[in-house]
Amino acid sequence: MSQIERNYKIEHLLDFKKFNEDEVLSMSDEQIEYFHWLYFEESVYDLM
């Protein structure tokens, strides 16, 4: 993941207020992608 993409996803996670800054900054790229997907990306199945 690029640094720009990582920063974008970190910013969203911090705005969500579920995580504190230390937690998010210590996450791996895979963890950040997973939580961003979990909380922010809609799926076709979400709309059913």
Protein backbone atom coordinates (compact mmCIF):
# COMPACT_ATOMS: atom_id res chain seq x y z
CA MET A 1 0.00 0.00 0.00
CA SER A 2 1.32 3.44 -0.83
CA GLN A 3 2.03 5.97 1.89
CA ILE A 4 -0.71 8.25 0.56
CA GLU A 5 -3.27 5.45 0.69
CA ARG A 6 -2.11 4.43 4.17
CA ASN A 7 -2.43 8.01 5.45
CA TYR A 8 -5.89 8.31 3.93
CA LYS A 9 -7.10 5.12 5.63
CA ILE A 10 -5.47 6.05 8.95
CA GLU A 11 -7.22 9.40 8.86
CA HIS A 12 -10.59 7.70 8.34
CA LEU A 13 -9.99 5.28 11.18
CA LEU A 14 -9.00 8.09 13.52
CA ASP A 15 -12.09 10.09 12.56
CA PHE A 16 -14.22 7.06 13.33
CA LYS A 17 -13.20 7.41 17.03
CA LYS A 18 -13.15 3.66 17.57
CA PHE A 19 -9.34 3.56 17.74
CA ASN A 20 -6.85 5.82 19.38
CA GLU A 21 -3.91 7.20 17.46
CA ASP A 22 -1.30 4.90 19.02
CA GLU A 23 -3.31 1.80 18.08
CA VAL A 24 -3.73 2.85 14.47
CA LEU A 25 -0.13 3.93 13.99
CA SER A 26 1.14 0.61 15.31
CA MET A 27 -1.05 -1.44 12.92
CA SER A 28 0.38 -3.20 9.90
CA ASP A 29 -0.80 -2.36 6.40
CA GLU A 30 -2.97 -5.47 6.38
CA GLN A 31 -4.68 -4.51 9.62
CA ILE A 32 -5.37 -0.99 8.39
CA GLU A 33 -6.83 -2.32 5.14
CA TYR A 34 -8.98 -4.82 7.03
CA PHE A 35 -10.47 -2.29 9.49
CA HIS A 36 -11.00 0.27 6.75
CA TRP A 37 -12.82 -2.36 4.70
CA LEU A 38 -14.81 -3.48 7.74
CA TYR A 39 -16.07 -0.03 8.71
CA PHE A 40 -16.11 2.06 5.54
CA GLU A 41 -16.52 0.03 2.37
CA GLU A 42 -20.02 -0.94 1.36
CA SER A 43 -20.73 -4.28 -0.16
CA VAL A 44 -23.62 -5.39 -2.33
CA TYR A 45 -24.64 -7.62 0.57
CA ASP A 46 -24.87 -4.60 2.91
CA LEU A 47 -27.66 -3.25 0.76
CA MET A 48 -29.79 -6.39 0.86
